[in-house]
Amino acid sequence: MDFIVNEIKSMAEAKYPTHSAKGISEINFRLD
């Protein structure tokens, strides 16, 4: 699971670098 999360975070940062913090928090919320 951690590997998948890191992959998603990497893609999110690459696609939306200016919104990476918001995107990561949303991803974490959905996974919880």
C-alpha atoms as a PDB file:
ATOM      1  CA  MET A   1       0.000   0.000   0.000  1.00  0.00           C
ATOM      2  CA  ASP A   2       2.792   2.433   0.871  1.00  0.00           C
ATOM      3  CA  PHE A   3       4.345   1.891  -2.549  1.00  0.00           C
ATOM      4  CA  ILE A   4       1.043   2.736  -4.263  1.00  0.00           C
ATOM      5  CA  VAL A   5       0.582   5.808  -2.080  1.00  0.00           C
ATOM      6  CA  ASN A   6       4.075   7.032  -2.949  1.00  0.00           C
ATOM      7  CA  GLU A   7       3.414   6.463  -6.654  1.00  0.00           C
ATOM      8  CA  ILE A   8       0.171   8.455  -6.457  1.00  0.00           C
ATOM      9  CA  LYS A   9       1.905  11.246  -4.548  1.00  0.00           C
ATOM     10  CA  SER A  10       4.685  11.364  -7.126  1.00  0.00           C
ATOM     11  CA  MET A  11       2.171  11.589  -9.973  1.00  0.00           C
ATOM     12  CA  ALA A  12       0.166  14.226  -8.123  1.00  0.00           C
ATOM     13  CA  GLU A  13       3.277  16.330  -7.542  1.00  0.00           C
ATOM     14  CA  ALA A  14       4.322  15.964 -11.173  1.00  0.00           C
ATOM     15  CA  LYS A  15       0.873  16.904 -12.489  1.00  0.00           C
ATOM     16  CA  TYR A  16      -0.049  19.551  -9.928  1.00  0.00           C
ATOM     17  CA  PRO A  17       3.166  20.851  -8.320  1.00  0.00           C
ATOM     18  CA  THR A  18       1.490  24.026  -7.052  1.00  0.00           C
ATOM     19  CA  HIS A  19      -1.298  22.026  -5.403  1.00  0.00           C
ATOM     20  CA  SER A  20       0.774  19.053  -4.238  1.00  0.00           C
ATOM     21  CA  ALA A  21       0.093  19.632  -0.522  1.00  0.00           C
ATOM     22  CA  LYS A  22      -3.662  19.850  -1.079  1.00  0.00           C
ATOM     23  CA  GLY A  23      -3.649  16.872  -3.431  1.00  0.00           C
ATOM     24  CA  ILE A  24      -1.689  14.706  -1.010  1.00  0.00           C
ATOM     25  CA  SER A  25      -4.026  15.556   1.873  1.00  0.00           C
ATOM     26  CA  GLU A  26      -7.017  14.630  -0.306  1.00  0.00           C
ATOM     27  CA  ILE A  27      -5.366  11.346  -1.328  1.00  0.00           C
ATOM     28  CA  ASN A  28      -4.625  10.501   2.312  1.00  0.00           C
ATOM     29  CA  PHE A  29      -8.211  11.335   3.278  1.00  0.00           C
ATOM     30  CA  ARG A  30      -9.601   9.008   0.599  1.00  0.00           C
ATOM     31  CA  LEU A  31      -7.280   6.164   1.619  1.00  0.00           C
ATOM     32  CA  ASP A  32      -8.300   6.486   5.268  1.00  0.00           C
END
